[in-house]
Amino acid sequence: MKRKSFGIMSLFIALFTALTLNSCEEVTHFYTAEITVLDNNGNLMEGVKVTTDVDVQDVHVIGREAYTNSDGVVSFEFDNLAIMKIIAEKENYIGENLLVLEEDKEVKVSLVVYE
């Protein structure tokens, strides 16, 4: 009787282990942002340099730099969640905003630049 219950218990543990180990898959997440740059009159601005910055003393650099397209939009991709400052500059125009990345969502932010 003891051998029979030991065999059933061993079979149950082996089956449970096999099923739980096979269901472990690595999940890939994405962290993207779309930033639209406008002037103080609400007009889209092309060719604006947009940079991201985090004020920490760490060896990891998440700063990005790109220019807006003809629709006044620039997109960034990141490897992880972050909260950072975005800065837009073109000639006499400058503006700042806060960017909070979310897991598996494209975060859309409008940034107004002033003269």
Protein backbone atom coordinates (compact mmCIF):
# COMPACT_ATOMS: atom_id res chain seq x y z
CA MET A 1 0.00 0.00 0.00
CA LYS A 2 2.84 2.38 0.84
CA ARG A 3 4.55 1.68 -2.49
CA LYS A 4 1.37 2.32 -4.44
CA SER A 5 0.74 5.71 -2.76
CA PHE A 6 4.44 6.63 -3.17
CA GLY A 7 4.21 5.83 -6.92
CA ILE A 8 1.05 7.88 -7.36
CA MET A 9 2.59 10.81 -5.46
CA SER A 10 5.78 10.61 -7.56
CA LEU A 11 3.74 10.59 -10.77
CA PHE A 12 1.74 13.61 -9.59
CA ILE A 13 4.92 15.59 -8.73
CA ALA A 14 6.55 14.72 -12.07
CA LEU A 15 3.43 15.75 -13.99
CA PHE A 16 3.07 19.00 -12.04
CA THR A 17 6.74 19.88 -12.59
CA ALA A 18 6.58 19.15 -16.32
CA LEU A 19 3.47 21.29 -16.80
CA THR A 20 4.72 24.27 -14.82
CA LEU A 21 8.19 24.36 -16.39
CA ASN A 22 6.82 24.26 -19.93
CA SER A 23 4.58 27.25 -19.32
CA CYS A 24 7.50 29.55 -18.43
CA GLU A 25 8.10 31.88 -21.36
CA GLU A 26 10.06 35.09 -21.45
CA VAL A 27 7.74 38.02 -22.08
CA THR A 28 9.03 40.92 -24.16
CA HIS A 29 7.70 44.36 -23.28
CA PHE A 30 7.97 47.59 -25.22
CA TYR A 31 8.31 51.15 -24.00
CA THR A 32 7.72 53.81 -26.66
CA ALA A 33 6.90 57.49 -26.70
CA GLU A 34 5.54 59.83 -29.35
CA ILE A 35 6.18 63.50 -28.71
CA THR A 36 4.39 66.24 -30.63
CA VAL A 37 6.00 69.69 -30.55
CA LEU A 38 3.82 72.80 -30.91
CA ASP A 39 4.53 76.50 -30.69
CA ASN A 40 2.56 78.73 -28.33
CA ASN A 41 -0.01 79.36 -31.12
CA GLY A 42 -0.71 75.62 -31.51
CA ASN A 43 1.19 75.21 -34.80
CA LEU A 44 3.19 72.01 -35.36
CA MET A 45 6.94 72.61 -35.46
CA GLU A 46 9.28 70.79 -37.84
CA GLY A 47 13.01 70.31 -37.25
CA VAL A 48 12.95 70.79 -33.48
CA LYS A 49 15.68 68.97 -31.54
CA VAL A 50 14.06 66.86 -28.81
CA THR A 51 16.23 65.28 -26.10
CA THR A 52 15.42 63.11 -23.10
CA ASP A 53 17.24 63.47 -19.81
CA VAL A 54 17.23 61.87 -16.37
CA ASP A 55 18.98 63.66 -13.55
CA VAL A 56 20.70 60.73 -11.85
CA GLN A 57 24.30 59.81 -11.20
CA ASP A 58 24.41 56.40 -12.82
CA VAL A 59 26.44 54.68 -15.52
CA HIS A 60 23.29 53.88 -17.53
CA VAL A 61 22.49 56.47 -20.18
CA ILE A 62 18.91 56.66 -21.41
CA GLY A 63 19.28 60.04 -23.08
CA ARG A 64 18.00 60.17 -26.65
CA GLU A 65 18.11 62.92 -29.25
CA ALA A 66 16.07 63.27 -32.45
CA TYR A 67 14.42 65.91 -34.63
CA THR A 68 10.71 66.31 -35.30
CA ASN A 69 9.36 65.42 -38.73
CA SER A 70 7.08 67.58 -40.92
CA ASP A 71 4.14 66.70 -38.64
CA GLY A 72 6.00 68.00 -35.57
CA VAL A 73 6.34 64.45 -34.20
CA VAL A 74 9.33 62.49 -32.92
CA SER A 75 9.30 58.92 -31.56
CA PHE A 76 11.59 57.18 -29.08
CA GLU A 77 11.99 53.58 -27.92
CA PHE A 78 13.39 52.56 -24.55
CA ASP A 79 14.41 49.31 -22.83
CA ASN A 80 12.64 49.85 -19.52
CA LEU A 81 10.22 51.97 -17.53
CA ALA A 82 11.41 55.48 -16.78
CA ILE A 83 10.33 58.96 -15.78
CA MET A 84 12.33 61.61 -17.58
CA LYS A 85 12.42 65.21 -18.68
CA ILE A 86 12.02 66.01 -22.38
CA ILE A 87 13.50 69.20 -23.78
CA ALA A 88 12.72 70.75 -27.18
CA GLU A 89 14.92 73.43 -28.74
CA LYS A 90 14.97 75.28 -32.06
CA GLU A 91 16.56 78.70 -32.56
CA ASN A 92 14.81 80.98 -30.02
CA TYR A 93 12.18 78.37 -29.07
CA ILE A 94 12.53 76.15 -26.00
CA GLY A 95 10.19 73.98 -23.95
CA GLU A 96 10.21 71.20 -21.36
CA ASN A 97 7.79 68.51 -20.25
CA LEU A 98 7.71 65.28 -18.26
CA LEU A 99 7.60 61.86 -19.93
CA VAL A 100 6.37 58.84 -17.95
CA LEU A 101 6.81 55.59 -19.86
CA GLU A 102 4.27 52.81 -19.49
CA GLU A 103 4.68 49.11 -20.13
CA ASP A 104 3.36 47.91 -23.52
CA LYS A 105 1.83 51.29 -24.38
CA GLU A 106 2.89 54.10 -26.68
CA VAL A 107 2.83 57.21 -24.51
CA LYS A 108 1.80 60.36 -26.40
CA VAL A 109 2.95 63.72 -25.07
CA SER A 110 2.47 67.24 -26.41
CA LEU A 111 5.25 69.70 -25.75
CA VAL A 112 4.77 73.46 -26.22
CA VAL A 113 7.81 75.59 -27.00
CA TYR A 114 7.92 79.33 -26.29
CA GLU A 115 10.02 82.12 -27.73
